[in-house]
Each structure stands twice: as structure tokens, then as C-alpha cells.
Amino acid sequence: MMEHTPAIHGKNQPLPTSSSRLPGFYELAISERLNILRDFSGLGQLETSQLGHFGTLSGELVDVFIENGVGTFGLPLGIATNFLINGRDVLVPMAVEETSVLAAASHGAKLTRSGGGFSTTSTESIMSGQIQLFVEASVPFREILEERREDLLAFANRGQDSLVSRGGGACDLTWHYIQEIRSLVVMLHVDTRDAMGANIVNTMCEKLSAVMPDLFPCEIGLRILTNLCDRRLARAECRIPAQVFDTPKFKGSQVVDRIYKAWQFAWHDIHRATTNNKGVMNGIDPVLIATGNDWRAVEAGAHAWTARTGVYRPLADWSVNGNGDLVGVLEMPMAVGTVGGVTKLHPTAQAALKLLGMPTARQLAEVVVSVGLAQNLSALRALASEGIQRGHMSLHQKNLELMQIKQRHDLLATTETREINMSGEGNRSTGRQGATRQ
């Protein structure tokens, strides 16, 4: 039996909503998509309007950013304070729904100030793409690629005049062979400057792959960037004197020792390392979201990076120096952009970047890893002293109070609606004014 699918006869033609099979849904206006959702799921008017809320965006931008868009999903946007990075005070925008994240980042940054704040460095903005070629190991591809390397880089850069004029472009070519799948993997390394660079790298890989069969017999496989951008690293360091951790219950030296032991636990135990690294990303992801960057790509690269030796480890390293100070280091891949894509179109992302002083991609990467290190420091300090739940639950109490208020409000609204409906039904049954009530 042939599958029956609804057809669109025009952009103003509504679709049947008994099935999730909705060909042409993307062609409809957002208002029409919302009507379909309302009919399909029995959404009320309030729920439909909440889905169709645009915030600082417009319907046009929603359609540019994603397919089948119907609205935006709001996240709380806050400012992490106390950050001192390379001697400069910085206020950091963070978009996140978890209660304690901004408090923890701000507190971690405050702890580092007595030791001079964060010191950061970063590499050039090198993104890498992979060209997979199916080729026999006996083919002398190494010699051929070595001989043609400069020509291939020049070919990849052809048509990228703007990028090359800013000091970017394809800058290196490496390769390795995977015997098990008979694949030569050619790695194209591209300086993308202030762009994240995914589209640039993918375009160059597609272009370069087309000439490979002219060099030696091969079949072309995948051509795409890798999110393990291990040539694009950002590093943050901090030093906290032990006395900063003094509390009525613990001496600072005790807290430093406990933090170091907590880090050792993560180093030797994958379950602890996973939760530890989630804490690091608690700081990193909200900054990426607020500035319109691809937090999923950074997440993937971070976890691959920390498992690069074959063992999953904590992202940040903590140690104790000769003076008894706590020393933290976080170095990881950080592919971020400050030009192009969402960063140029999203008004909130633009405002967030302006708050940060319109940083270059490298400067933004250094801010991001500083926040990740501050977040990890704050979490480890809490775990090593009073326990993570004390501060977290005191902040979470606000959520519980709001939930109770909302439950009372919803109950009241439900009661009022029931009374109105009952009144309307009574009027209709007696032929009174209920017929005209809307």
C-alpha cells in the first residue's frame, strides 16, 4: 500500500496534522507552523504563543538560523564578575539555566585575584580538515605529497583572497595511513583567523580532494573538518595562596591539600573525571552560547583531547608549589569565532562580544578557558570543604520557592477557567447571554 502523505498546494495552504509526516513544513510561514503544532498537540493559546516567542530575534533570523523554526527558547543571561585576565578586569556574559554556575564562576575568579588572576596564552587559530582517500599502501603517496605540498596548499588557497590577505589560509599539509580501512588521511591545516572556520575548512577539503586522483590512483572518501582541533589551543593558569582558603572550620593549607587530592581522584578514576569535566564545561559552554559560538564542537573536542593518551583524564591540572600555593592549569582545544555566522547576526551575541571588549578569536578563547578553570576551582573548593550541596541547594531553594508560587498560580488559573466554563455552559443551556461570550 502506498504511503499517504499530505501535499502542499501553496505556501498559505495548511497541512493536515494527524501525522508527523509534514512535507513542505519548512516552506510555511512561522504562524502557519504554529497553527499546525497547536492542532497536532492540542496546545492552548498561551502555550502556542510561548513557543512562538522571538525574544531579541526576528522571525526572519529564526528562519535563517534553523529549518522549521517556530520561535526561540530563552535562557537566563547573567554576568560573571571578579575576572582578572592578563591584568585586565573582565565581565563575562554567560547564558545558562543551572542555578549555581554564575555564582561558582564569580567565586572562583575572586579566589584567583590574590595571586594575580589568570594568565593566558593561545596558539594561532588553526583548524584542520580531513580528506579520506582509499588507496593501496604500496602506492608512493608519501613521496608524491611531499613533492607537491606547496602546490597543493596554493591550490587550496585559490579563491580565498580575503582570508589570505588577513594572514590566514591553508598553511600545512600532513597525512597518515590507516591500514585497517585502507585509507590515506590527508590533513589540511588552515589558519581561519577570527572565524571559527568550519565552512572555510570544509570548502577547502572538498576542493583539494578533487585533484587527488590526478596525483595517484585512489578513491575519494569523506572530506570534512575535525572538531579535535589540536593545533588550536588556549591555556589559562592561576595561583592561589593557601591562606585565601582559610575558614573557621579549615586552614587554607588543609583546603589546598583536599583540592589536590580531589584532583588526584579524578586523574585516576574515569567516573570522577567525567563529573569533574562537566564542571569545567559548566563554565565554558555558557560563554560560548552567549557569544553565539558552537558549544557542541568545543565539547566534542574537549573530551577527545583529554582522552588523547587512551585514558580519560580531568581537563584541568592542579598542583601545589613549593610555597604551598594551589596552582591550576587548563589547556584545551578552543575553536571560537568573533566574525561570521551567528556572532554577526544575533543581536545578543553582538552585545556580549562588545561587553567583552570586541575580542579577537584568540582573546575570546583565552577568556573562555579562564572561566572553565574558575568554575573547576570553585567546585573543587566546595567539594573539599563544606561539600557541594550546601551552596548549591541554598541557590536552588529559590527555584523551589518559584515552583511553589507557580503551582499555586496554575491551580488558581485552572479553578477560574473551570468556573468560567461552567458559567458559560449554564448560560448556553438557558439561552442567555452566554452565546455572545468569547
Protein backbone atom coordinates (compact mmCIF):
# COMPACT_ATOMS: atom_id res chain seq x y z
CA MET A 1 0.00 0.00 0.00
CA MET A 2 1.34 3.39 -0.98
CA GLU A 3 2.07 5.72 1.93
CA HIS A 4 -0.29 8.66 2.02
CA THR A 5 1.48 11.95 2.64
CA PRO A 6 -0.17 15.36 2.74
CA ALA A 7 0.83 17.70 -0.05
CA ILE A 8 1.24 21.44 -0.09
CA HIS A 9 -0.62 23.31 -2.80
CA GLY A 10 0.70 26.71 -1.80
CA LYS A 11 2.52 28.48 0.96
CA ASN A 12 -0.76 29.50 2.54
CA GLN A 13 -2.22 26.00 2.36
CA PRO A 14 -2.37 24.45 5.86
CA LEU A 15 -1.13 20.91 6.29
CA PRO A 16 -3.10 18.03 7.79
CA THR A 17 -1.91 17.42 11.32
CA SER A 18 -2.78 13.79 12.06
CA SER A 19 0.78 12.72 11.19
CA SER A 20 4.27 13.99 11.90
CA ARG A 21 5.00 13.41 8.21
CA LEU A 22 4.77 17.02 7.06
CA PRO A 23 6.44 17.54 3.67
CA GLY A 24 6.89 21.21 2.89
CA PHE A 25 6.57 22.24 6.54
CA TYR A 26 9.72 24.33 6.13
CA GLU A 27 8.08 26.38 3.37
CA LEU A 28 5.27 27.61 5.58
CA ALA A 29 5.21 30.88 7.46
CA ILE A 30 6.04 30.58 11.15
CA SER A 31 2.46 31.44 12.10
CA GLU A 32 1.22 28.53 9.98
CA ARG A 33 3.72 26.15 11.56
CA LEU A 34 2.47 27.21 14.98
CA ASN A 35 -1.12 26.58 13.96
CA ILE A 36 -0.17 23.04 12.91
CA LEU A 37 1.56 22.42 16.23
CA ARG A 38 -1.47 23.71 18.10
CA ASP A 39 -3.83 21.41 16.20
CA PHE A 40 -1.48 18.42 16.34
CA SER A 41 -0.82 18.53 20.09
CA GLY A 42 -3.85 20.33 21.46
CA LEU A 43 -1.79 23.28 22.67
CA GLY A 44 -3.62 26.16 24.25
CA GLN A 45 -3.29 29.73 23.03
CA LEU A 46 -0.85 30.62 25.81
CA GLU A 47 1.34 27.57 25.11
CA THR A 48 1.33 28.31 21.39
CA SER A 49 2.37 31.92 21.97
CA GLN A 50 5.15 30.76 24.31
CA LEU A 51 6.55 28.52 21.57
CA GLY A 52 6.30 31.40 19.11
CA HIS A 53 8.15 33.94 21.25
CA PHE A 54 11.12 35.53 19.44
CA GLY A 55 12.93 37.44 22.19
CA THR A 56 15.67 39.58 20.68
CA LEU A 57 15.42 37.78 17.34
CA SER A 58 13.01 38.21 14.47
CA GLY A 59 11.09 35.60 12.56
CA GLU A 60 13.43 36.20 9.62
CA LEU A 61 16.51 35.47 11.73
CA VAL A 62 14.93 32.34 13.21
CA ASP A 63 14.38 31.06 9.66
CA VAL A 64 18.00 31.89 8.79
CA PHE A 65 19.44 30.08 11.82
CA ILE A 66 17.40 26.86 11.67
CA GLU A 67 14.92 25.00 9.50
CA ASN A 68 11.30 24.56 10.63
CA GLY A 69 11.75 27.31 13.21
CA VAL A 70 8.77 28.40 15.29
CA GLY A 71 10.34 30.68 17.92
CA THR A 72 13.17 30.91 20.40
CA PHE A 73 13.98 29.21 23.68
CA GLY A 74 15.05 31.67 26.34
CA LEU A 75 17.99 31.02 28.65
CA PRO A 76 18.88 33.24 31.59
CA LEU A 77 21.76 35.55 30.68
CA GLY A 78 23.99 36.67 33.54
CA ILE A 79 27.35 38.28 34.14
CA ALA A 80 30.24 36.55 35.90
CA THR A 81 32.23 39.06 37.93
CA ASN A 82 35.70 39.27 39.50
CA PHE A 83 37.68 38.09 36.47
CA LEU A 84 41.20 39.47 36.14
CA ILE A 85 42.79 38.11 32.95
CA ASN A 86 46.32 39.14 31.98
CA GLY A 87 45.99 42.14 34.26
CA ARG A 88 42.70 43.32 32.73
CA ASP A 89 39.36 43.29 34.52
CA VAL A 90 36.71 41.44 32.53
CA LEU A 91 32.95 40.99 32.94
CA VAL A 92 31.88 37.73 31.33
CA PRO A 93 28.40 37.14 29.82
CA MET A 94 27.08 33.62 30.42
CA ALA A 95 23.82 32.05 29.21
CA VAL A 96 22.81 29.04 31.31
CA GLU A 97 19.88 27.62 33.26
CA GLU A 98 21.79 25.93 36.10
CA THR A 99 21.35 27.86 39.33
CA SER A 100 24.86 27.84 40.77
CA VAL A 101 27.01 28.27 37.66
CA LEU A 102 27.49 32.04 37.67
CA ALA A 103 27.96 32.17 41.42
CA ALA A 104 30.64 29.48 41.19
CA ALA A 105 32.47 31.13 38.28
CA SER A 106 32.47 34.51 40.03
CA HIS A 107 33.67 32.99 43.29
CA GLY A 108 36.43 31.03 41.55
CA ALA A 109 37.59 34.19 39.82
CA LYS A 110 37.58 36.05 43.14
CA LEU A 111 39.83 33.40 44.70
CA THR A 112 42.42 33.85 41.93
CA ARG A 113 42.74 37.63 42.27
CA SER A 114 45.07 37.44 45.27
CA GLY A 115 47.50 35.50 43.10
CA GLY A 116 47.26 37.91 40.15
CA GLY A 117 44.22 36.48 38.42
CA PHE A 118 44.53 34.41 35.27
CA SER A 119 47.49 34.31 32.93
CA THR A 120 46.57 33.13 29.44
CA THR A 121 48.13 32.21 26.10
CA SER A 122 46.84 30.71 22.87
CA THR A 123 48.09 29.31 19.59
CA GLU A 124 47.18 30.55 16.13
CA SER A 125 43.62 29.77 15.02
CA ILE A 126 44.47 26.59 13.12
CA MET A 127 41.56 24.37 12.14
CA SER A 128 42.14 21.01 10.47
CA GLY A 129 40.20 19.13 7.83
CA GLN A 130 40.46 15.51 6.73
CA ILE A 131 40.43 14.10 3.22
CA GLN A 132 39.97 10.34 3.22
CA LEU A 133 41.42 8.53 0.22
CA PHE A 134 41.08 4.79 -0.40
CA VAL A 135 44.49 3.82 -1.70
CA GLU A 136 46.79 0.80 -1.56
CA ALA A 137 49.65 1.07 0.91
CA SER A 138 52.10 0.20 -1.90
CA VAL A 139 51.37 3.46 -3.72
CA PRO A 140 54.21 6.00 -3.14
CA PHE A 141 51.81 8.68 -1.88
CA ARG A 142 54.23 9.97 0.76
CA GLU A 143 56.83 10.99 -1.80
CA ILE A 144 54.21 12.46 -4.12
CA LEU A 145 52.52 14.52 -1.40
CA GLU A 146 55.85 15.76 -0.07
CA GLU A 147 56.88 16.89 -3.54
CA ARG A 148 53.55 18.58 -4.28
CA ARG A 149 52.85 20.02 -0.82
CA GLU A 150 53.35 23.71 -1.67
CA ASP A 151 51.40 23.41 -4.91
CA LEU A 152 48.51 21.79 -3.08
CA LEU A 153 48.44 24.49 -0.41
CA ALA A 154 48.49 27.20 -3.07
CA PHE A 155 45.61 25.47 -4.85
CA ALA A 156 43.60 25.24 -1.62
CA ASN A 157 44.10 28.97 -1.04
CA ARG A 158 42.98 29.93 -4.53
CA GLY A 159 39.78 31.95 -4.26
CA GLN A 160 40.36 32.72 -0.54
CA ASP A 161 41.89 36.16 -1.18
CA SER A 162 40.19 37.86 1.77
CA LEU A 163 41.36 35.23 4.26
CA VAL A 164 44.88 35.12 2.84
CA SER A 165 45.14 38.94 2.88
CA ARG A 166 44.45 38.85 6.63
CA GLY A 167 47.29 36.41 7.21
CA GLY A 168 45.18 33.26 7.13
CA GLY A 169 44.62 30.37 4.76
CA ALA A 170 45.90 26.84 4.26
CA CYS A 171 49.30 26.64 5.94
CA ASP A 172 50.26 22.97 6.25
CA LEU A 173 49.53 19.51 4.90
CA THR A 174 50.15 16.29 6.83
CA TRP A 175 48.98 12.72 6.37
CA HIS A 176 48.74 9.30 7.96
CA TYR A 177 47.68 5.86 6.75
CA ILE A 178 45.09 3.61 8.43
CA GLN A 179 45.88 0.06 7.37
CA GLU A 180 42.67 -1.48 8.71
CA ILE A 181 40.44 0.52 6.37
CA ARG A 182 42.95 1.03 3.54
CA SER A 183 42.67 4.77 3.98
CA LEU A 184 45.15 7.57 3.48
CA VAL A 185 44.01 10.54 5.58
CA VAL A 186 45.32 13.85 4.29
CA MET A 187 45.11 16.57 6.95
CA LEU A 188 44.71 20.13 5.67
CA HIS A 189 45.56 22.74 8.32
CA VAL A 190 44.03 26.20 7.86
CA ASP A 191 44.53 29.44 9.77
CA THR A 192 40.96 30.76 9.97
CA ARG A 193 41.91 33.94 11.85
CA ASP A 194 38.90 35.31 13.77
CA ALA A 195 36.38 32.87 12.28
CA MET A 196 35.54 29.53 13.83
CA GLY A 197 36.22 28.31 10.29
CA ALA A 198 34.16 25.14 9.78
CA ASN A 199 32.73 26.25 6.42
CA ILE A 200 36.10 27.50 5.19
CA VAL A 201 37.83 24.21 6.02
CA ASN A 202 35.08 22.07 4.53
CA THR A 203 35.15 24.09 1.32
CA MET A 204 38.93 23.74 1.02
CA CYS A 205 38.82 20.00 1.68
CA GLU A 206 36.16 19.48 -0.98
CA LYS A 207 38.22 21.46 -3.45
CA LEU A 208 41.54 19.77 -2.69
CA SER A 209 40.09 16.26 -2.78
CA ALA A 210 39.09 16.69 -6.42
CA VAL A 211 42.73 16.82 -7.59
CA MET A 212 43.98 13.85 -5.55
CA PRO A 213 43.11 11.19 -8.18
CA ASP A 214 45.38 13.12 -10.58
CA LEU A 215 48.35 12.52 -8.25
CA PHE A 216 47.95 8.77 -7.64
CA PRO A 217 45.26 6.10 -8.05
CA CYS A 218 42.68 6.48 -5.26
CA GLU A 219 39.00 6.71 -4.49
CA ILE A 220 37.73 9.73 -2.57
CA GLY A 221 36.03 9.14 0.76
CA LEU A 222 34.97 11.78 3.31
CA ARG A 223 36.10 15.41 3.15
CA ILE A 224 35.31 17.30 6.34
CA LEU A 225 36.85 19.17 9.24
CA THR A 226 37.69 17.54 12.56
CA ASN A 227 36.46 19.05 15.83
CA LEU A 228 39.59 17.78 17.56
CA CYS A 229 41.43 20.99 16.68
CA ASP A 230 44.64 20.08 18.48
CA ARG A 231 46.55 22.88 16.75
CA ARG A 232 44.14 25.49 18.11
CA LEU A 233 44.73 25.56 21.85
CA ALA A 234 44.03 28.07 24.62
CA ARG A 235 45.69 27.95 28.03
CA ALA A 236 44.84 29.59 31.37
CA GLU A 237 46.88 29.43 34.57
CA CYS A 238 46.25 30.69 38.09
CA ARG A 239 47.91 30.60 41.50
CA ILE A 240 46.01 30.89 44.77
CA PRO A 241 47.91 31.41 48.06
CA ALA A 242 46.83 28.88 50.68
CA GLN A 243 45.65 31.48 53.17
CA VAL A 244 42.91 32.56 50.76
CA PHE A 245 41.11 29.31 51.61
CA ASP A 246 41.14 29.89 55.39
CA THR A 247 37.75 29.30 57.02
CA PRO A 248 36.62 28.90 60.63
CA LYS A 249 36.49 25.17 60.01
CA PHE A 250 39.61 24.61 57.88
CA LYS A 251 43.07 26.07 57.50
CA GLY A 252 43.88 27.13 53.97
CA SER A 253 46.65 24.56 53.69
CA GLN A 254 44.14 21.83 54.53
CA VAL A 255 41.79 23.00 51.78
CA VAL A 256 44.65 23.12 49.27
CA ASP A 257 45.60 19.58 50.19
CA ARG A 258 42.00 18.42 49.87
CA ILE A 259 41.63 20.10 46.46
CA TYR A 260 44.79 18.40 45.24
CA LYS A 261 43.54 15.03 46.47
CA ALA A 262 40.20 15.62 44.77
CA TRP A 263 42.08 16.27 41.51
CA GLN A 264 44.08 13.07 42.02
CA PHE A 265 40.82 11.17 42.42
CA ALA A 266 39.68 12.48 39.01
CA TRP A 267 43.06 11.65 37.46
CA HIS A 268 42.78 8.01 38.46
CA ASP A 269 39.02 7.42 38.19
CA ILE A 270 37.04 7.91 34.96
CA HIS A 271 33.72 8.33 36.75
CA ARG A 272 35.08 11.20 38.86
CA ALA A 273 36.88 12.67 35.86
CA THR A 274 33.64 12.78 33.87
CA THR A 275 31.78 14.77 36.52
CA ASN A 276 34.85 16.94 37.13
CA ASN A 277 34.96 17.82 33.43
CA LYS A 278 31.25 18.51 33.35
CA GLY A 279 32.05 21.18 35.93
CA VAL A 280 34.71 22.68 33.67
CA MET A 281 32.25 22.77 30.78
CA ASN A 282 29.66 24.36 33.12
CA GLY A 283 31.80 27.46 32.84
CA ILE A 284 32.81 27.15 29.20
CA ASP A 285 29.51 26.37 27.48
CA PRO A 286 27.55 29.39 28.80
CA VAL A 287 30.18 31.82 27.47
CA LEU A 288 30.12 30.08 24.09
CA ILE A 289 26.33 30.23 23.96
CA ALA A 290 26.24 33.90 24.98
CA THR A 291 28.71 34.82 22.22
CA GLY A 292 27.00 32.76 19.51
CA ASN A 293 29.65 30.05 19.28
CA ASP A 294 29.36 26.32 18.61
CA TRP A 295 29.50 24.87 22.12
CA ARG A 296 28.84 21.34 20.80
CA ALA A 297 32.01 21.42 18.72
CA VAL A 298 34.06 22.63 21.69
CA GLU A 299 32.51 19.93 23.92
CA ALA A 300 33.43 17.19 21.44
CA GLY A 301 36.98 18.47 21.06
CA ALA A 302 37.43 18.85 24.82
CA HIS A 303 36.50 15.27 25.66
CA ALA A 304 38.56 13.83 22.79
CA TRP A 305 41.53 15.98 23.84
CA THR A 306 41.51 14.81 27.43
CA ALA A 307 41.36 11.17 26.28
CA ARG A 308 44.11 11.56 23.67
CA THR A 309 46.51 9.25 25.57
CA GLY A 310 43.89 6.49 25.59
CA VAL A 311 42.77 7.25 29.17
CA TYR A 312 40.08 9.80 30.01
CA ARG A 313 41.56 12.42 32.35
CA PRO A 314 40.47 15.67 34.04
CA LEU A 315 40.75 18.64 31.70
CA ALA A 316 42.38 20.94 34.27
CA ASP A 317 45.53 20.13 36.21
CA TRP A 318 46.02 21.16 39.85
CA SER A 319 49.22 21.03 41.86
CA VAL A 320 50.86 22.56 44.93
CA ASN A 321 54.02 24.64 44.51
CA GLY A 322 56.93 24.98 46.90
CA ASN A 323 55.22 27.79 48.83
CA GLY A 324 52.12 25.70 49.43
CA ASP A 325 50.08 27.69 46.89
CA LEU A 326 47.49 25.96 44.74
CA VAL A 327 48.36 26.13 41.03
CA GLY A 328 45.84 25.43 38.27
CA VAL A 329 46.32 24.98 34.52
CA LEU A 330 43.70 24.41 31.84
CA GLU A 331 44.85 23.88 28.25
CA MET A 332 42.45 22.56 25.65
CA PRO A 333 41.26 22.98 22.07
CA MET A 334 39.15 26.10 21.71
CA ALA A 335 37.63 26.76 18.28
CA VAL A 336 35.70 30.00 18.63
CA GLY A 337 34.93 32.86 16.30
CA THR A 338 34.14 36.53 16.62
CA VAL A 339 33.21 37.12 12.97
CA GLY A 340 30.73 35.42 10.67
CA GLY A 341 27.70 33.25 11.32
CA VAL A 342 25.61 33.73 14.44
CA THR A 343 28.19 36.02 16.04
CA LYS A 344 27.42 38.67 13.43
CA LEU A 345 23.66 38.14 13.14
CA HIS A 346 22.49 37.53 16.70
CA PRO A 347 21.98 40.87 18.49
CA THR A 348 22.58 39.40 21.95
CA ALA A 349 25.80 37.73 20.82
CA GLN A 350 26.96 41.05 19.41
CA ALA A 351 26.20 42.82 22.68
CA ALA A 352 28.02 40.09 24.62
CA LEU A 353 31.12 40.48 22.46
CA LYS A 354 31.02 44.24 22.91
CA LEU A 355 30.82 43.74 26.69
CA LEU A 356 33.98 41.66 26.40
CA GLY A 357 35.71 44.47 24.50
CA MET A 358 35.25 43.08 20.96
CA PRO A 359 37.96 40.44 21.40
CA THR A 360 39.76 38.58 18.65
CA ALA A 361 39.04 34.86 18.40
CA ARG A 362 42.21 34.09 20.36
CA GLN A 363 41.36 36.60 23.09
CA LEU A 364 37.87 35.14 23.40
CA ALA A 365 39.32 31.63 23.63
CA GLU A 366 41.54 32.77 26.50
CA VAL A 367 38.56 34.25 28.35
CA VAL A 368 36.63 31.01 27.88
CA VAL A 369 39.32 28.76 29.34
CA SER A 370 39.75 31.16 32.26
CA VAL A 371 36.07 30.76 33.09
CA GLY A 372 36.37 26.98 32.79
CA LEU A 373 39.29 26.96 35.22
CA ALA A 374 37.47 29.28 37.66
CA GLN A 375 34.41 27.04 37.58
CA ASN A 376 36.50 23.93 38.28
CA LEU A 377 38.32 25.69 41.13
CA SER A 378 35.08 26.75 42.79
CA ALA A 379 33.59 23.27 42.54
CA LEU A 380 36.71 21.56 43.91
CA ARG A 381 36.94 24.05 46.79
CA ALA A 382 33.33 23.35 47.73
CA LEU A 383 33.80 19.59 47.48
CA ALA A 384 36.98 19.74 49.53
CA SER A 385 35.49 21.85 52.34
CA GLU A 386 31.79 22.22 53.17
CA GLY A 387 30.53 19.96 50.39
CA ILE A 388 28.97 20.86 47.06
CA GLN A 389 25.34 20.73 48.18
CA ARG A 390 25.43 23.46 50.79
CA GLY A 391 25.92 26.36 48.40
CA HIS A 392 24.15 24.68 45.52
CA MET A 393 20.99 23.93 47.48
CA SER A 394 20.81 27.39 49.02
CA LEU A 395 20.65 28.80 45.49
CA HIS A 396 18.33 26.01 44.37
CA GLN A 397 15.92 27.00 47.14
CA LYS A 398 14.90 29.99 45.02
CA ASN A 399 13.82 27.58 42.28
CA LEU A 400 11.77 25.57 44.76
CA GLU A 401 10.04 28.72 46.03
CA LEU A 402 9.24 29.83 42.49
CA MET A 403 7.87 26.37 41.68
CA GLN A 404 5.53 26.59 44.67
CA ILE A 405 4.33 30.03 43.56
CA LYS A 406 3.77 28.75 40.02
CA GLN A 407 1.83 25.72 41.28
CA ARG A 408 -0.47 27.98 43.30
CA HIS A 409 -0.89 30.29 40.30
CA ASP A 410 -1.67 27.36 37.96
CA LEU A 411 -4.18 25.94 40.43
CA LEU A 412 -5.91 29.31 40.70
CA ALA A 413 -5.98 29.72 36.91
CA THR A 414 -7.42 26.21 36.49
CA THR A 415 -10.13 26.91 39.06
CA GLU A 416 -11.06 30.22 37.43
CA THR A 417 -11.20 28.58 33.98
CA ARG A 418 -13.44 25.80 35.30
CA GLU A 419 -15.79 28.34 36.85
CA ILE A 420 -15.94 30.37 33.64
CA ASN A 421 -16.63 27.25 31.58
CA MET A 422 -19.36 26.10 33.95
CA SER A 423 -20.94 29.56 33.88
CA GLY A 424 -20.80 29.62 30.08
CA GLU A 425 -22.39 26.17 29.79
CA GLY A 426 -25.21 27.22 32.13
CA ASN A 427 -25.91 30.34 30.11
CA ARG A 428 -25.95 28.45 26.84
CA SER A 429 -28.32 25.87 28.24
CA THR A 430 -30.79 28.55 29.26
CA GLY A 431 -30.37 30.60 26.11
CA ARG A 432 -28.96 33.64 27.95
CA GLN A 433 -26.00 35.89 27.16
CA GLY A 434 -23.52 33.00 27.17
CA ALA A 435 -23.95 32.70 23.42
CA THR A 436 -22.22 36.03 22.92
CA ARG A 437 -19.45 35.46 25.47
CA GLN A 438 -15.98 34.99 23.95
